[in-house]
Amino acid sequence: MRFWEISKRNLKELYRDPVALGFLLGMPLAFILIFSFAFGGQATRPISIGVVDEDQSQISAAFVSCLENIPALEVVSPVYESESQAEEELDTGGLSIYLLIPRGFGEAVERRQAVDLELAYNEADPMLSQRAVPVVRAVALEFLNIPVPLNIELREREVEIKDEYINYLVPGMAVFGLMVLITSVGGIMVRDRAKGFLSRLMTTPARPSDFIFGYTLPFIPVIIISVAIYLGVGVLMGLSIIGNLGLAFLILFIIGICCLGIGMILGTLAKSEEQASAAPWIFIVPLAMISGSWWSVEQMPSVIRGIAEALPFLHAMDASRAVLTRGVGLEAVKDDFLFLVGWAVVIFIIGIILFRRSMRS
């Protein structure tokens, strides 16, 4: 019956840390809540769409007004008068999709002839067109209110991409992979504290910032190698690098630094190694889901999208995808880039403050 004695011992160890056990049991609940809120029938975020009115007639203007009154659409203002303006916005990331109302639209409506519309979209988000077509078709049919043929042509913005899904997936999986660093950094700090190593270090003249950077700097090569592996394997799988590879690498490197900072805070707050290893996973996978690692966040409710936009992961994915897939430069992803840098700075400041308090206690 020795196995029974061993089982009792391990059972005690399992229930000795109720916080870690709570995180472990709470993970399925977190998954259910995330999926239900993200895809559970709440109103999704309106589709941001540009409109090019080449017809410039009273009828086309009335059609644009009809589009603007649809809750499912968010028409970018002002309306473009030429397609070249919208194409430039599509290339730089200002637009993801636009509707072209061609010349002769008003005349075709008056004569009850076939009406042609065109939706141009960026390949970086292939699912966006699937959402936009039914909405635009429904609005157009209601506006026409006459039985005339309606043709909506889809046109992808031509870029040299072998596999658009791979170009969407690889940056998301790279960010998700870097999020695993949160558990690694936190786990090391908690283990050192449990073994008394950290307590002995605190008797030295070292400052809190010395401890923080001492624990994070060794992971810098890990981030560099990890990003190189993700992009390298992505290329082998069909990833097309249209833009500046160095800029995309830098964006992923900065999100890796953010993950180190989060792990450092976790290591400071966690009371046991079990907490440091179990607690992050209840947040990492759901955050990866709502940040666009595997699917577009455009189809999620505004509340979920707002949470994702407040965190750095979505910004890293959007910026790296824009650089790799659309070939945009730093100017086009400047807001996302500065947001990531700001997050990294703030998270390390918070980490140093929390570590200083733990040293005093």
Protein backbone atom coordinates (compact mmCIF):
# COMPACT_ATOMS: atom_id res chain seq x y z
CA MET A 1 0.00 0.00 0.00
CA ARG A 2 2.96 2.32 -0.46
CA PHE A 3 1.28 3.88 -3.47
CA TRP A 4 -1.55 5.01 -1.15
CA GLU A 5 0.92 6.81 1.14
CA ILE A 6 2.52 8.50 -1.87
CA SER A 7 -0.92 9.44 -3.17
CA LYS A 8 -1.91 11.02 0.14
CA ARG A 9 1.32 13.02 0.21
CA ASN A 10 0.79 14.33 -3.35
CA LEU A 11 -2.85 15.06 -2.58
CA LYS A 12 -1.78 17.25 0.31
CA GLU A 13 0.75 19.01 -1.92
CA LEU A 14 -1.94 19.63 -4.52
CA TYR A 15 -4.36 21.22 -2.07
CA ARG A 16 -1.71 23.02 -0.04
CA ASP A 17 -1.82 25.96 -2.44
CA PRO A 18 -5.51 26.83 -2.94
CA VAL A 19 -4.66 29.83 -5.16
CA ALA A 20 -2.80 27.69 -7.69
CA LEU A 21 -5.55 25.08 -7.55
CA GLY A 22 -8.14 27.78 -8.13
CA PHE A 23 -6.31 28.98 -11.24
CA LEU A 24 -6.08 25.42 -12.51
CA LEU A 25 -9.79 24.77 -12.04
CA GLY A 26 -10.70 28.23 -13.29
CA MET A 27 -9.08 27.80 -16.71
CA PRO A 28 -12.05 25.93 -18.27
CA LEU A 29 -14.38 28.60 -16.91
CA ALA A 30 -12.19 31.32 -18.42
CA PHE A 31 -12.27 29.59 -21.81
CA ILE A 32 -16.07 29.30 -21.72
CA LEU A 33 -16.49 32.96 -20.79
CA ILE A 34 -14.02 34.18 -23.42
CA PHE A 35 -15.67 32.19 -26.20
CA SER A 36 -19.18 33.14 -25.12
CA PHE A 37 -18.37 36.86 -24.95
CA ALA A 38 -16.29 36.85 -28.14
CA PHE A 39 -18.64 34.77 -30.29
CA GLY A 40 -21.82 34.48 -28.26
CA GLY A 41 -24.16 36.60 -30.33
CA GLN A 42 -23.35 40.05 -28.96
CA ALA A 43 -23.34 42.90 -31.45
CA THR A 44 -20.06 42.80 -33.35
CA ARG A 45 -17.94 45.80 -34.06
CA PRO A 46 -19.09 47.78 -37.13
CA ILE A 47 -17.11 47.22 -40.32
CA SER A 48 -14.93 50.23 -41.04
CA ILE A 49 -15.30 50.80 -44.77
CA GLY A 50 -14.21 53.51 -47.15
CA VAL A 51 -16.46 54.62 -50.02
CA VAL A 52 -15.27 55.85 -53.41
CA ASP A 53 -18.04 57.76 -55.21
CA GLU A 54 -16.90 58.13 -58.80
CA ASP A 55 -20.45 58.77 -60.00
CA GLN A 56 -20.93 61.98 -57.98
CA SER A 57 -24.67 62.01 -58.64
CA GLN A 58 -27.61 62.69 -56.36
CA ILE A 59 -28.51 59.00 -56.45
CA SER A 60 -24.99 57.89 -55.46
CA ALA A 61 -24.95 60.48 -52.67
CA ALA A 62 -28.27 59.12 -51.40
CA PHE A 63 -26.86 55.60 -51.49
CA VAL A 64 -23.82 56.71 -49.44
CA SER A 65 -26.18 58.31 -46.88
CA CYS A 66 -28.04 55.01 -46.68
CA LEU A 67 -24.76 53.21 -45.98
CA GLU A 68 -23.89 55.71 -43.24
CA ASN A 69 -27.17 54.96 -41.43
CA ILE A 70 -26.48 51.22 -41.16
CA PRO A 71 -25.24 50.23 -37.65
CA ALA A 72 -23.18 47.33 -39.06
CA LEU A 73 -21.08 49.74 -41.14
CA GLU A 74 -18.79 52.56 -40.12
CA VAL A 75 -18.27 54.65 -43.26
CA VAL A 76 -14.96 56.49 -43.26
CA SER A 77 -15.42 60.23 -43.68
CA PRO A 78 -14.99 62.00 -46.03
CA VAL A 79 -16.06 59.93 -49.03
CA TYR A 80 -13.27 59.49 -51.57
CA GLU A 81 -13.76 61.06 -54.99
CA SER A 82 -11.08 58.95 -56.71
CA GLU A 83 -10.04 55.33 -56.30
CA SER A 84 -6.35 56.25 -56.15
CA GLN A 85 -6.90 57.92 -52.76
CA ALA A 86 -8.57 54.82 -51.34
CA GLU A 87 -5.87 52.54 -52.80
CA GLU A 88 -3.19 54.60 -51.06
CA GLU A 89 -5.04 54.29 -47.75
CA LEU A 90 -5.37 50.54 -48.32
CA ASP A 91 -1.63 50.24 -48.94
CA THR A 92 -0.63 52.20 -45.83
CA GLY A 93 -3.13 50.49 -43.53
CA GLY A 94 -5.56 53.38 -43.18
CA LEU A 95 -8.26 51.22 -44.75
CA SER A 96 -8.91 47.49 -44.80
CA ILE A 97 -11.74 47.57 -47.36
CA TYR A 98 -13.51 50.10 -49.57
CA LEU A 99 -16.61 50.18 -51.77
CA LEU A 100 -16.33 51.59 -55.29
CA ILE A 101 -19.45 53.24 -56.73
CA PRO A 102 -18.56 53.46 -60.43
CA ARG A 103 -19.50 56.12 -62.95
CA GLY A 104 -22.93 55.50 -64.41
CA PHE A 105 -24.35 54.14 -61.14
CA GLY A 106 -27.12 56.75 -60.92
CA GLU A 107 -28.03 56.39 -64.59
CA ALA A 108 -28.21 52.57 -64.26
CA VAL A 109 -30.53 52.89 -61.25
CA GLU A 110 -32.82 55.32 -63.10
CA ARG A 111 -33.01 53.07 -66.18
CA ARG A 112 -33.39 49.94 -64.03
CA GLN A 113 -30.35 48.40 -65.61
CA ALA A 114 -27.81 46.09 -63.98
CA VAL A 115 -26.01 47.83 -61.11
CA ASP A 116 -22.31 47.09 -60.56
CA LEU A 117 -20.44 47.68 -57.31
CA GLU A 118 -16.92 46.69 -56.34
CA LEU A 119 -15.41 45.82 -52.96
CA ALA A 120 -11.62 46.06 -52.76
CA TYR A 121 -9.97 44.66 -49.64
CA ASN A 122 -6.59 43.88 -48.22
CA GLU A 123 -5.40 40.29 -48.20
CA ALA A 124 -4.07 40.74 -44.66
CA ASP A 125 -7.62 40.16 -43.38
CA PRO A 126 -9.28 37.67 -45.74
CA MET A 127 -12.33 37.21 -43.48
CA LEU A 128 -13.32 40.88 -43.65
CA SER A 129 -14.78 40.63 -47.15
CA GLN A 130 -16.96 37.70 -46.08
CA ARG A 131 -18.59 39.96 -43.49
CA ALA A 132 -18.86 43.01 -45.73
CA VAL A 133 -20.49 41.48 -48.83
CA PRO A 134 -23.83 40.42 -47.23
CA VAL A 135 -24.20 43.79 -45.49
CA VAL A 136 -23.47 45.86 -48.60
CA ARG A 137 -25.73 43.63 -50.71
CA ALA A 138 -28.62 43.97 -48.25
CA VAL A 139 -28.25 47.76 -48.08
CA ALA A 140 -28.04 48.08 -51.87
CA LEU A 141 -31.12 45.93 -52.49
CA GLU A 142 -33.10 47.90 -49.93
CA PHE A 143 -31.94 51.17 -51.48
CA LEU A 144 -32.76 50.13 -55.03
CA ASN A 145 -36.18 48.76 -54.06
CA ILE A 146 -36.57 47.55 -57.63
CA PRO A 147 -35.91 44.13 -59.19
CA VAL A 148 -32.71 44.93 -61.07
CA PRO A 149 -29.58 42.74 -61.24
CA LEU A 150 -26.98 43.65 -58.60
CA ASN A 151 -23.38 42.60 -59.11
CA ILE A 152 -20.82 42.98 -56.32
CA GLU A 153 -17.32 42.19 -57.52
CA LEU A 154 -14.63 41.32 -54.97
CA ARG A 155 -11.11 42.47 -55.70
CA GLU A 156 -8.11 41.62 -53.56
CA ARG A 157 -5.37 44.20 -53.36
CA GLU A 158 -2.63 42.55 -55.40
CA VAL A 159 0.48 41.75 -53.39
CA GLU A 160 3.03 39.00 -53.87
CA ILE A 161 1.74 36.62 -51.22
CA LYS A 162 2.05 32.86 -51.62
CA ASP A 163 -0.37 31.97 -48.84
CA GLU A 164 -2.44 34.72 -47.24
CA TYR A 165 -3.42 32.48 -44.32
CA ILE A 166 0.22 31.79 -43.44
CA ASN A 167 0.97 35.51 -43.59
CA TYR A 168 -1.89 36.07 -41.16
CA LEU A 169 -1.06 33.13 -38.89
CA VAL A 170 2.73 33.40 -38.40
CA PRO A 171 2.83 36.83 -36.65
CA GLY A 172 -0.01 35.76 -34.36
CA MET A 173 1.68 32.51 -33.42
CA ALA A 174 4.99 34.33 -32.88
CA VAL A 175 3.36 36.68 -30.36
CA PHE A 176 1.59 33.76 -28.69
CA GLY A 177 4.90 31.87 -28.43
CA LEU A 178 6.60 34.86 -26.86
CA MET A 179 3.82 35.07 -24.26
CA VAL A 180 5.12 31.76 -22.87
CA LEU A 181 8.11 33.76 -21.56
CA ILE A 182 5.76 35.14 -18.90
CA THR A 183 5.71 31.78 -17.13
CA SER A 184 9.45 31.22 -17.55
CA VAL A 185 10.58 34.49 -15.94
CA GLY A 186 8.02 34.30 -13.15
CA GLY A 187 8.88 30.68 -12.41
CA ILE A 188 12.62 31.35 -12.07
CA MET A 189 12.08 34.25 -9.67
CA VAL A 190 9.70 32.22 -7.50
CA ARG A 191 12.08 29.25 -7.40
CA ASP A 192 14.98 31.44 -6.33
CA ARG A 193 12.85 32.97 -3.61
CA ALA A 194 11.74 29.53 -2.39
CA LYS A 195 15.34 28.30 -2.24
CA GLY A 196 16.47 31.38 -0.32
CA PHE A 197 18.79 32.51 -3.12
CA LEU A 198 16.88 35.73 -3.66
CA SER A 199 16.92 36.47 0.09
CA ARG A 200 20.69 36.17 0.16
CA LEU A 201 20.99 38.48 -2.85
CA MET A 202 18.88 41.08 -1.05
CA THR A 203 21.56 41.33 1.66
CA THR A 204 23.95 42.75 -0.95
CA PRO A 205 24.08 46.45 -1.96
CA ALA A 206 22.28 45.64 -5.23
CA ARG A 207 19.38 47.90 -6.16
CA PRO A 208 15.90 46.69 -7.24
CA SER A 209 16.68 47.60 -10.84
CA ASP A 210 19.78 45.36 -10.68
CA PHE A 211 17.60 42.39 -9.72
CA ILE A 212 15.03 43.15 -12.40
CA PHE A 213 17.51 43.49 -15.24
CA GLY A 214 19.57 40.62 -13.89
CA TYR A 215 16.59 38.31 -14.29
CA THR A 216 15.44 39.66 -17.67
CA LEU A 217 18.68 40.24 -19.62
CA PRO A 218 19.47 36.51 -19.95
CA PHE A 219 16.20 36.11 -21.83
CA ILE A 220 17.13 38.68 -24.50
CA PRO A 221 18.99 36.07 -26.62
CA VAL A 222 16.00 33.75 -26.12
CA ILE A 223 13.69 36.38 -27.62
CA ILE A 224 16.01 36.99 -30.57
CA ILE A 225 16.41 33.29 -31.34
CA SER A 226 12.68 32.63 -30.86
CA VAL A 227 11.64 35.39 -33.28
CA ALA A 228 14.21 34.15 -35.81
CA ILE A 229 12.81 30.62 -35.52
CA TYR A 230 9.19 31.75 -35.91
CA LEU A 231 9.94 33.83 -39.00
CA GLY A 232 12.31 31.22 -40.45
CA VAL A 233 9.81 28.38 -40.08
CA GLY A 234 7.14 30.73 -41.42
CA VAL A 235 9.17 31.29 -44.59
CA LEU A 236 9.53 27.53 -45.03
CA MET A 237 5.75 27.22 -44.67
CA GLY A 238 5.09 29.91 -47.30
CA LEU A 239 5.37 33.22 -45.43
CA SER A 240 5.86 36.06 -47.91
CA ILE A 241 7.93 38.96 -46.58
CA ILE A 242 6.79 42.00 -48.55
CA GLY A 243 8.02 44.72 -46.18
CA ASN A 244 11.06 45.43 -44.04
CA LEU A 245 12.03 42.23 -42.22
CA GLY A 246 14.13 44.18 -39.71
CA LEU A 247 11.16 46.33 -38.70
CA ALA A 248 8.91 43.28 -38.27
CA PHE A 249 11.67 41.62 -36.21
CA LEU A 250 11.96 44.73 -34.01
CA ILE A 251 8.20 44.81 -33.38
CA LEU A 252 8.19 41.17 -32.28
CA PHE A 253 11.29 41.76 -30.16
CA ILE A 254 9.57 44.60 -28.27
CA ILE A 255 6.49 42.48 -27.52
CA GLY A 256 8.92 39.87 -26.19
CA ILE A 257 10.34 42.52 -23.83
CA CYS A 258 6.79 43.32 -22.70
CA CYS A 259 6.25 39.63 -21.91
CA LEU A 260 9.45 39.59 -19.83
CA GLY A 261 8.18 42.56 -17.85
CA ILE A 262 4.82 40.91 -17.21
CA GLY A 263 6.59 37.72 -16.10
CA MET A 264 8.78 39.73 -13.76
CA ILE A 265 5.72 41.27 -12.08
CA LEU A 266 4.14 37.85 -11.82
CA GLY A 267 7.30 36.46 -10.19
CA THR A 268 7.21 39.27 -7.65
CA LEU A 269 3.55 38.76 -6.74
CA ALA A 270 3.30 34.95 -6.87
CA LYS A 271 3.65 33.15 -3.55
CA SER A 272 4.62 29.75 -4.94
CA GLU A 273 6.04 28.13 -8.04
CA GLU A 274 2.66 26.54 -8.69
CA GLN A 275 1.02 29.97 -8.81
CA ALA A 276 3.70 31.27 -11.16
CA SER A 277 3.23 28.35 -13.54
CA ALA A 278 -0.56 27.91 -13.39
CA ALA A 279 -1.82 31.50 -13.09
CA PRO A 280 -0.49 32.86 -16.42
CA TRP A 281 -2.19 30.22 -18.54
CA ILE A 282 -5.63 31.31 -17.43
CA PHE A 283 -4.83 34.64 -19.11
CA ILE A 284 -2.33 33.79 -21.88
CA VAL A 285 -4.54 31.59 -24.07
CA PRO A 286 -7.70 33.75 -23.77
CA LEU A 287 -5.66 36.91 -24.43
CA ALA A 288 -4.13 35.29 -27.51
CA MET A 289 -7.65 34.43 -28.68
CA ILE A 290 -9.06 37.93 -28.35
CA SER A 291 -5.88 39.57 -29.69
CA GLY A 292 -6.10 37.88 -33.09
CA SER A 293 -3.58 35.05 -32.94
CA TRP A 294 -5.84 32.68 -34.88
CA TRP A 295 -8.73 34.73 -36.23
CA SER A 296 -9.66 38.32 -36.92
CA VAL A 297 -10.79 40.47 -34.01
CA GLU A 298 -13.05 42.43 -36.36
CA GLN A 299 -15.79 39.85 -35.83
CA MET A 300 -15.70 40.25 -32.06
CA PRO A 301 -17.89 42.59 -29.95
CA SER A 302 -16.65 46.11 -29.28
CA VAL A 303 -16.10 45.35 -25.58
CA ILE A 304 -13.75 42.47 -26.35
CA ARG A 305 -12.01 44.53 -29.02
CA GLY A 306 -11.55 47.36 -26.49
CA ILE A 307 -9.89 45.01 -24.00
CA ALA A 308 -7.56 43.73 -26.72
CA GLU A 309 -6.65 47.25 -27.81
CA ALA A 310 -5.67 48.19 -24.26
CA LEU A 311 -3.04 45.42 -24.21
CA PRO A 312 0.12 45.24 -26.33
CA PHE A 313 -0.43 41.88 -28.05
CA LEU A 314 -2.99 43.02 -30.65
CA HIS A 315 -0.82 46.01 -31.57
CA ALA A 316 2.19 43.75 -32.11
CA MET A 317 0.20 41.40 -34.34
CA ASP A 318 -1.39 44.19 -36.38
CA ALA A 319 1.89 46.05 -36.87
CA SER A 320 3.95 42.98 -37.80
CA ARG A 321 1.25 41.77 -40.21
CA ALA A 322 1.08 45.20 -41.84
CA VAL A 323 4.85 45.27 -42.34
CA LEU A 324 5.19 41.69 -43.58
CA THR A 325 2.07 41.53 -45.74
CA ARG A 326 1.45 45.06 -46.99
CA GLY A 327 5.04 46.29 -46.96
CA VAL A 328 4.27 49.45 -44.97
CA GLY A 329 7.02 51.38 -43.21
CA LEU A 330 7.48 52.70 -39.70
CA GLU A 331 5.34 55.77 -40.37
CA ALA A 332 2.27 53.62 -41.05
CA VAL A 333 2.68 51.55 -37.85
CA LYS A 334 4.05 54.37 -35.71
CA ASP A 335 1.11 54.43 -33.29
CA ASP A 336 1.30 50.68 -32.65
CA PHE A 337 5.09 50.85 -32.32
CA LEU A 338 5.02 53.69 -29.79
CA PHE A 339 2.25 51.91 -27.87
CA LEU A 340 4.47 48.83 -27.55
CA VAL A 341 7.48 50.87 -26.42
CA GLY A 342 5.34 52.70 -23.87
CA TRP A 343 3.99 49.42 -22.54
CA ALA A 344 7.51 48.02 -22.15
CA VAL A 345 8.72 51.10 -20.26
CA VAL A 346 5.68 51.28 -17.96
CA ILE A 347 5.70 47.55 -17.18
CA PHE A 348 9.35 47.67 -16.10
CA ILE A 349 8.75 50.73 -13.93
CA ILE A 350 5.88 48.92 -12.23
CA GLY A 351 8.07 45.85 -11.80
CA ILE A 352 10.85 47.82 -10.11
CA ILE A 353 8.36 49.50 -7.74
CA LEU A 354 6.77 46.17 -6.76
CA PHE A 355 10.15 44.51 -6.30
CA ARG A 356 11.33 47.37 -4.08
CA ARG A 357 8.26 46.91 -1.89
CA SER A 358 8.89 43.16 -1.64
CA MET A 359 12.47 43.85 -0.57
CA ARG A 360 11.29 46.13 2.22
CA SER A 361 8.79 43.56 3.46
